[in-house]
């Protein structure tokens, strides 16, 4: 009798299981924020064109293995608040932008001050907290910083466009300065990240690595901003295993920079490799390594240990403007260590910059 009861129970369970399809085996469509909660229960999520209401975050908390397809452009209505405007999280995600746009309505915020004053601007605009792939997305006119990346496992971001070019011009609120400011392309504090084959036109760092390891930035084009940066480095952080390769840097303040805060302590920056980068129209420096941030070539601190900064492989070819400095290195006392191989660095134009408190650079002269 008990065996029969058990068999009957199993048959009932089987019928119930067959009758209840998996909640994630479906396609969800988002045409407004009202659709998000139901759509993210599915492992395929399609995003149509719509406008996100002012002061709200378009937040996608995705199931593991979800594929997201943008099928239209998303615009964010304007409000002076902290943001972010968009956030996506999840593991093993495939995010296909299909060339569509997230429009941040930047001109409505821009005042030439960025995050330093004026109105509050949503920053970052885009918070990326996924592993997997994120590709073929355009961001237009970010209010301030664009991407903040903190992936939980390996992530490749590719074929992206950041277009803040309209921020190069002054507006009625910017007192003759470029209206866009603090429009960093990628702010990175993570590990196992590749950013490649992307185009960034902005008014601040193209890339800023604040901490992390195993980060590759390759075959990207950076226009108009402050170049590709490691830092600014604060206290108690480690940066290691960084590869900056095959990028084109045009009309930036500098091409390649490492900046550590003068007051920082107990931090390490090591194994930074530059290969095959090209820079032209560089306004201030070709290469700047400076341990006096936020000052430029001020009194350097010695609390960040800097080692193994190498220019190797394909030649890094940089051309600075006539009033710029080719290379400047400003180390704190005893904080730059080891031998740095700069055999694959060529900088022309301008004048030689200072190299202070360090004699370990080999195979290079300016």
Protein backbone atom coordinates (compact mmCIF):
# COMPACT_ATOMS: atom_id res chain seq x y z
CA UNK A 1 0.00 0.00 0.00
CA UNK A 2 2.76 2.44 0.91
CA UNK A 3 4.54 1.68 -2.36
CA UNK A 4 1.35 2.48 -4.27
CA UNK A 5 0.97 5.78 -2.40
CA UNK A 6 4.55 6.70 -3.19
CA UNK A 7 4.04 5.90 -6.89
CA UNK A 8 0.86 7.98 -7.03
CA UNK A 9 2.64 10.88 -5.38
CA UNK A 10 5.45 10.69 -7.92
CA UNK A 11 2.98 10.71 -10.81
CA UNK A 12 1.21 13.76 -9.41
CA UNK A 13 4.57 15.55 -8.99
CA UNK A 14 5.54 14.70 -12.57
CA UNK A 15 2.26 16.07 -13.94
CA UNK A 16 2.71 19.28 -11.94
CA UNK A 17 6.31 19.65 -13.11
CA UNK A 18 5.32 19.18 -16.75
CA UNK A 19 2.45 21.63 -16.39
CA UNK A 20 4.65 24.40 -14.92
CA UNK A 21 7.16 25.66 -17.51
CA UNK A 22 10.42 27.16 -16.26
CA UNK A 23 9.98 30.84 -15.40
CA UNK A 24 13.28 31.60 -17.14
CA UNK A 25 12.56 29.75 -20.40
CA UNK A 26 10.81 32.68 -22.07
CA UNK A 27 11.30 36.01 -23.81
CA UNK A 28 10.57 39.22 -21.96
CA UNK A 29 10.04 42.54 -23.73
CA UNK A 30 10.71 45.93 -22.18
CA UNK A 31 8.92 48.96 -23.60
CA UNK A 32 8.75 50.88 -20.31
CA UNK A 33 10.04 50.52 -16.76
CA UNK A 34 6.74 48.85 -15.89
CA UNK A 35 7.83 45.83 -17.95
CA UNK A 36 11.17 45.23 -16.23
CA UNK A 37 10.13 43.06 -13.28
CA UNK A 38 8.42 40.48 -15.49
CA UNK A 39 10.97 40.62 -18.31
CA UNK A 40 13.99 39.81 -16.12
CA UNK A 41 12.37 36.51 -15.14
CA UNK A 42 13.20 35.35 -18.68
CA UNK A 43 16.55 34.35 -20.14
CA UNK A 44 15.93 36.39 -23.29
CA UNK A 45 15.18 40.07 -22.78
CA UNK A 46 14.39 42.42 -25.67
CA UNK A 47 14.54 46.20 -25.14
CA UNK A 48 12.38 48.42 -27.36
CA UNK A 49 12.62 52.19 -27.76
CA UNK A 50 11.29 54.14 -24.78
CA UNK A 51 12.05 57.05 -22.47
CA UNK A 52 13.05 56.41 -18.88
CA UNK A 53 11.24 58.81 -16.52
CA UNK A 54 13.29 61.53 -14.87
CA UNK A 55 15.02 60.53 -11.65
CA UNK A 56 14.65 56.77 -12.13
CA UNK A 57 17.22 54.07 -12.87
CA UNK A 58 16.66 51.58 -15.67
CA UNK A 59 17.83 48.60 -13.60
CA UNK A 60 18.23 45.11 -15.04
CA UNK A 61 18.96 42.42 -12.44
CA UNK A 62 19.30 39.46 -14.78
CA UNK A 63 19.16 35.70 -14.34
CA UNK A 64 22.39 33.82 -15.02
CA UNK A 65 22.87 33.14 -18.73
CA UNK A 66 20.45 35.80 -19.97
CA UNK A 67 20.73 37.26 -23.48
CA UNK A 68 19.72 40.91 -23.86
CA UNK A 69 18.90 42.39 -27.26
CA UNK A 70 18.43 46.11 -27.77
CA UNK A 71 15.83 46.65 -30.48
CA UNK A 72 15.52 50.42 -30.13
CA UNK A 73 17.06 53.51 -28.53
CA UNK A 74 16.61 54.40 -24.86
CA UNK A 75 16.43 58.04 -23.79
CA UNK A 76 16.67 59.33 -20.22
CA UNK A 77 14.51 62.25 -19.15
CA UNK A 78 16.31 65.03 -17.29
CA UNK A 79 16.57 65.55 -13.54
CA UNK A 80 19.38 66.81 -11.32
CA UNK A 81 20.11 63.71 -9.22
CA UNK A 82 22.94 61.28 -8.51
CA UNK A 83 21.94 58.42 -10.85
CA UNK A 84 22.93 56.01 -12.28
CA UNK A 85 20.67 56.20 -15.30
CA UNK A 86 21.23 52.54 -16.25
CA UNK A 87 22.44 49.54 -14.29
CA UNK A 88 22.80 45.93 -15.35
CA UNK A 89 23.91 43.00 -13.19
CA UNK A 90 24.16 39.25 -13.65
CA UNK A 91 26.52 36.42 -14.53
CA UNK A 92 27.31 34.95 -17.95
CA UNK A 93 25.28 37.65 -19.70
CA UNK A 94 25.25 38.29 -23.45
CA UNK A 95 24.29 41.92 -23.99
CA UNK A 96 23.76 42.84 -27.66
CA UNK A 97 23.30 46.56 -28.28
CA UNK A 98 22.85 46.02 -32.02
CA UNK A 99 24.11 49.58 -32.56
CA UNK A 100 21.34 51.19 -30.55
CA UNK A 101 21.78 54.18 -28.27
CA UNK A 102 21.44 55.14 -24.61
CA UNK A 103 20.92 58.93 -24.76
CA UNK A 104 21.78 60.76 -21.52
CA UNK A 105 20.60 64.21 -22.63
CA UNK A 106 23.95 65.65 -21.57
CA UNK A 107 23.47 69.18 -22.97
CA UNK A 108 20.68 69.71 -20.44
CA UNK A 109 23.24 69.24 -17.64
CA UNK A 110 26.53 70.49 -19.06
CA UNK A 111 27.91 73.67 -17.49
CA UNK A 112 31.67 73.25 -17.90
CA UNK A 113 32.04 72.09 -14.30
CA UNK A 114 31.21 68.39 -14.45
CA UNK A 115 31.21 66.92 -10.96
CA UNK A 116 33.09 69.91 -9.52
CA UNK A 117 30.09 72.18 -9.11
CA UNK A 118 27.02 73.55 -10.79
CA UNK A 119 23.97 71.30 -11.00
CA UNK A 120 24.01 67.68 -9.80
CA UNK A 121 24.63 65.34 -12.70
CA UNK A 122 23.82 61.59 -12.77
CA UNK A 123 27.19 59.82 -12.51
CA UNK A 124 28.01 57.29 -13.62
CA UNK A 125 25.48 57.17 -16.40
CA UNK A 126 25.99 53.43 -16.98
CA UNK A 127 26.85 50.98 -14.20
CA UNK A 128 27.98 47.59 -15.54
CA UNK A 129 28.01 44.69 -13.07
CA UNK A 130 27.90 41.65 -15.36
CA UNK A 131 30.21 38.92 -16.56
CA UNK A 132 30.08 37.65 -20.14
CA UNK A 133 29.95 40.03 -23.10
CA UNK A 134 28.66 43.55 -23.64
CA UNK A 135 28.87 44.69 -27.23
CA UNK A 136 27.79 47.17 -29.93
CA UNK A 137 26.20 49.78 -27.62
CA UNK A 138 26.29 53.53 -28.21
CA UNK A 139 26.18 56.08 -25.39
CA UNK A 140 25.30 59.60 -26.52
CA UNK A 141 25.77 62.76 -24.45
CA UNK A 142 26.42 61.48 -20.95
CA UNK A 143 25.71 64.03 -18.18
CA UNK A 144 29.14 63.29 -16.65
CA UNK A 145 31.09 60.00 -16.22
CA UNK A 146 29.91 57.29 -18.59
CA UNK A 147 30.75 53.71 -17.56
CA UNK A 148 31.54 52.35 -14.11
CA UNK A 149 32.60 48.71 -14.45
CA UNK A 150 32.72 46.19 -11.59
CA UNK A 151 32.22 42.81 -13.24
CA UNK A 152 31.81 39.73 -10.97
CA UNK A 153 33.81 37.49 -13.35
CA UNK A 154 35.44 37.79 -16.79
CA UNK A 155 33.84 40.41 -19.03
CA UNK A 156 34.59 41.56 -22.58
CA UNK A 157 33.23 44.94 -23.65
CA UNK A 158 33.60 45.52 -27.38
CA UNK A 159 32.52 47.64 -30.35
CA UNK A 160 31.20 50.39 -28.10
CA UNK A 161 30.74 54.05 -28.95
CA UNK A 162 30.84 56.93 -26.49
CA UNK A 163 29.92 60.16 -28.27
CA UNK A 164 30.20 63.25 -26.09
CA UNK A 165 31.66 65.27 -28.95
CA UNK A 166 28.97 67.94 -28.55
CA UNK A 167 30.50 68.70 -25.15
CA UNK A 168 33.66 70.10 -26.79
CA UNK A 169 31.84 73.36 -27.55
CA UNK A 170 30.99 75.95 -24.88
CA UNK A 171 27.40 76.73 -23.99
CA UNK A 172 25.61 79.55 -22.18
CA UNK A 173 26.48 78.02 -18.78
CA UNK A 174 30.15 77.10 -19.31
CA UNK A 175 31.79 80.53 -19.31
CA UNK A 176 33.58 79.95 -22.59
CA UNK A 177 34.94 76.53 -21.62
CA UNK A 178 33.96 73.19 -23.13
CA UNK A 179 30.49 72.48 -21.81
CA UNK A 180 31.20 68.78 -21.19
CA UNK A 181 33.46 68.00 -18.23
CA UNK A 182 34.35 64.92 -16.15
CA UNK A 183 32.95 62.75 -18.94
CA UNK A 184 35.29 59.80 -18.22
CA UNK A 185 34.76 56.97 -20.68
CA UNK A 186 35.45 53.94 -18.47
CA UNK A 187 36.08 54.04 -14.70
CA UNK A 188 37.40 50.62 -13.75
CA UNK A 189 37.89 48.96 -10.35
CA UNK A 190 37.82 45.27 -11.16
CA UNK A 191 39.63 42.17 -12.45
CA UNK A 192 39.45 40.11 -15.64
CA UNK A 193 38.17 42.84 -17.94
CA UNK A 194 38.82 43.43 -21.64
CA UNK A 195 37.69 46.60 -23.42
CA UNK A 196 38.35 46.53 -27.15
CA UNK A 197 37.54 47.88 -30.60
CA UNK A 198 35.64 50.89 -29.27
CA UNK A 199 35.46 54.63 -30.01
CA UNK A 200 35.44 57.23 -27.26
CA UNK A 201 35.10 61.00 -27.76
CA UNK A 202 34.92 62.80 -24.44
CA UNK A 203 36.41 65.51 -22.21
CA UNK A 204 38.19 63.47 -19.51
CA UNK A 205 40.04 60.17 -19.16
CA UNK A 206 39.29 57.70 -21.93
CA UNK A 207 40.04 54.97 -19.40
CA UNK A 208 40.76 55.34 -15.68
CA UNK A 209 41.91 52.24 -13.79
CA UNK A 210 41.54 52.88 -10.07
CA UNK A 211 42.35 49.37 -8.87
CA UNK A 212 42.30 45.81 -10.15
CA UNK A 213 44.22 43.27 -12.19
CA UNK A 214 44.22 41.43 -15.51
CA UNK A 215 42.77 44.37 -17.45
CA UNK A 216 43.27 44.73 -21.21
CA UNK A 217 42.46 47.90 -23.17
CA UNK A 218 43.15 47.32 -26.85
CA UNK A 219 42.44 48.67 -30.34
CA UNK A 220 40.33 51.56 -29.07
CA UNK A 221 40.22 55.14 -30.34
CA UNK A 222 40.29 57.97 -27.79
CA UNK A 223 39.59 61.54 -28.93
CA UNK A 224 39.41 64.88 -27.16
CA UNK A 225 40.01 63.96 -23.53
CA UNK A 226 42.82 63.29 -21.06
CA UNK A 227 44.19 60.06 -22.50
CA UNK A 228 44.45 56.54 -21.09
CA UNK A 229 45.12 56.56 -17.35
CA UNK A 230 46.11 54.23 -14.57
CA UNK A 231 44.74 56.09 -11.57
CA UNK A 232 44.23 58.23 -9.83
CA UNK A 233 45.56 55.76 -7.26
CA UNK A 234 44.39 56.19 -3.67
CA UNK A 235 45.46 54.38 -0.49
CA UNK A 236 45.33 50.64 0.14
CA UNK A 237 44.81 49.48 -3.45
CA UNK A 238 46.67 47.25 -5.86
CA UNK A 239 46.89 47.54 -9.64
CA UNK A 240 48.68 44.81 -11.60
CA UNK A 241 48.71 43.03 -14.93
CA UNK A 242 47.52 45.89 -17.14
CA UNK A 243 47.94 45.75 -20.94
CA UNK A 244 47.36 48.91 -23.01
CA UNK A 245 47.81 47.90 -26.65
CA UNK A 246 47.10 49.10 -30.17
CA UNK A 247 45.09 52.17 -29.21
CA UNK A 248 44.86 55.45 -31.14
CA UNK A 249 44.87 58.60 -29.02
CA UNK A 250 44.05 61.84 -30.81
CA UNK A 251 43.93 65.44 -29.53
CA UNK A 252 44.15 64.49 -25.86
CA UNK A 253 46.02 66.25 -23.04
CA UNK A 254 48.36 63.28 -22.94
CA UNK A 255 48.37 59.83 -24.48
CA UNK A 256 49.38 57.61 -21.57
CA UNK A 257 49.37 58.51 -17.90
CA UNK A 258 49.89 56.98 -14.48
CA UNK A 259 48.71 59.25 -11.67
CA UNK A 260 48.95 58.49 -7.96
CA UNK A 261 47.70 60.71 -5.19
CA UNK A 262 50.43 62.48 -3.27
CA UNK A 263 48.73 61.60 0.03
CA UNK A 264 48.12 57.92 -0.82
CA UNK A 265 49.76 55.15 1.20
CA UNK A 266 50.08 51.35 1.22
CA UNK A 267 49.34 50.94 -2.49
CA UNK A 268 51.12 49.08 -5.29
CA UNK A 269 51.09 49.59 -9.07
CA UNK A 270 53.04 46.99 -11.05
CA UNK A 271 53.27 45.18 -14.40
CA UNK A 272 51.87 47.88 -16.66
CA UNK A 273 52.61 47.10 -20.33
CA UNK A 274 52.20 49.47 -23.28
CA UNK A 275 52.51 48.18 -26.84
CA UNK A 276 51.67 49.56 -30.27
CA UNK A 277 49.81 52.68 -29.18
CA UNK A 278 49.73 55.76 -31.42
CA UNK A 279 49.15 59.33 -30.26
CA UNK A 280 48.92 62.61 -32.19
CA UNK A 281 47.92 66.17 -31.32
CA UNK A 282 48.90 65.67 -27.66
CA UNK A 283 48.47 69.00 -25.91
CA UNK A 284 50.53 68.65 -22.72
CA UNK A 285 52.52 65.39 -22.54
CA UNK A 286 53.19 62.25 -24.51
CA UNK A 287 53.70 60.12 -21.40
CA UNK A 288 53.09 61.43 -17.88
CA UNK A 289 53.88 59.42 -14.76
CA UNK A 290 53.15 61.59 -11.77
CA UNK A 291 52.96 60.87 -8.05
CA UNK A 292 51.78 64.36 -7.06
CA UNK A 293 48.11 64.12 -8.06
CA UNK A 294 45.93 66.22 -7.92
CA UNK A 295 48.80 68.60 -8.72
CA UNK A 296 50.70 68.09 -11.96
CA UNK A 297 54.45 67.74 -11.45
CA UNK A 298 54.12 69.04 -7.91
CA UNK A 299 55.60 67.56 -4.74
CA UNK A 300 55.31 63.76 -5.14
CA UNK A 301 54.25 61.36 -2.42
CA UNK A 302 56.04 58.08 -1.77
CA UNK A 303 53.19 55.91 -0.50
CA UNK A 304 52.46 54.18 -3.82
CA UNK A 305 55.12 51.69 -4.95
CA UNK A 306 55.45 51.76 -8.72
CA UNK A 307 57.35 49.07 -10.66
CA UNK A 308 57.56 47.22 -13.99
CA UNK A 309 56.18 49.94 -16.25
CA UNK A 310 57.28 48.78 -19.69
CA UNK A 311 56.96 49.91 -23.31
CA UNK A 312 57.69 46.75 -25.27
CA UNK A 313 56.58 44.86 -28.38
CA UNK A 314 55.22 47.02 -31.19
CA UNK A 315 56.46 50.62 -31.10
CA UNK A 316 54.40 53.16 -29.16
CA UNK A 317 54.63 56.20 -31.46
CA UNK A 318 53.54 59.53 -29.97
CA UNK A 319 53.69 63.07 -31.36
CA UNK A 320 53.19 66.01 -29.01
CA UNK A 321 52.33 69.60 -29.84
CA UNK A 322 55.15 72.14 -30.08
CA UNK A 323 54.61 73.52 -26.56
CA UNK A 324 54.09 70.11 -24.91
CA UNK A 325 56.56 67.87 -23.08
CA UNK A 326 57.44 64.51 -24.53
CA UNK A 327 57.86 62.49 -21.32
CA UNK A 328 57.61 63.54 -17.67
CA UNK A 329 58.23 61.22 -14.72
CA UNK A 330 57.73 62.55 -11.19
CA UNK A 331 58.41 59.83 -8.60
CA UNK A 332 58.35 60.08 -4.86
CA UNK A 333 61.53 59.28 -2.98
CA UNK A 334 62.21 55.55 -3.35
CA UNK A 335 58.72 54.79 -4.64
CA UNK A 336 59.63 53.95 -8.27
CA UNK A 337 61.68 50.77 -8.31
CA UNK A 338 63.29 48.19 -10.58
CA UNK A 339 64.23 48.41 -14.24
CA UNK A 340 61.70 49.67 -16.75
CA UNK A 341 62.19 48.69 -20.40
CA UNK A 342 61.12 51.56 -22.66
CA UNK A 343 62.68 50.22 -25.86
CA UNK A 344 59.37 50.43 -27.75
CA UNK A 345 58.61 54.09 -27.02
CA UNK A 346 59.18 56.87 -29.57
CA UNK A 347 58.02 60.41 -28.80
CA UNK A 348 58.53 63.35 -31.16
CA UNK A 349 57.71 67.06 -31.12
CA UNK A 350 57.69 69.44 -28.20
CA UNK A 351 60.48 69.38 -25.65
CA UNK A 352 61.94 66.97 -23.12
CA UNK A 353 60.21 66.81 -19.78
CA UNK A 354 61.70 66.17 -16.33
CA UNK A 355 62.49 62.74 -14.93
CA UNK A 356 62.92 63.00 -11.16
CA UNK A 357 63.81 60.59 -8.36
CA UNK A 358 64.27 57.59 -10.67
CA UNK A 359 67.07 56.24 -12.84
CA UNK A 360 65.61 52.83 -13.75
CA UNK A 361 64.28 53.68 -17.22
CA UNK A 362 66.32 51.79 -19.81
CA UNK A 363 66.58 51.82 -23.63
CA UNK A 364 65.00 55.25 -24.02
CA UNK A 365 66.15 58.82 -24.31
CA UNK A 366 64.34 62.03 -25.08
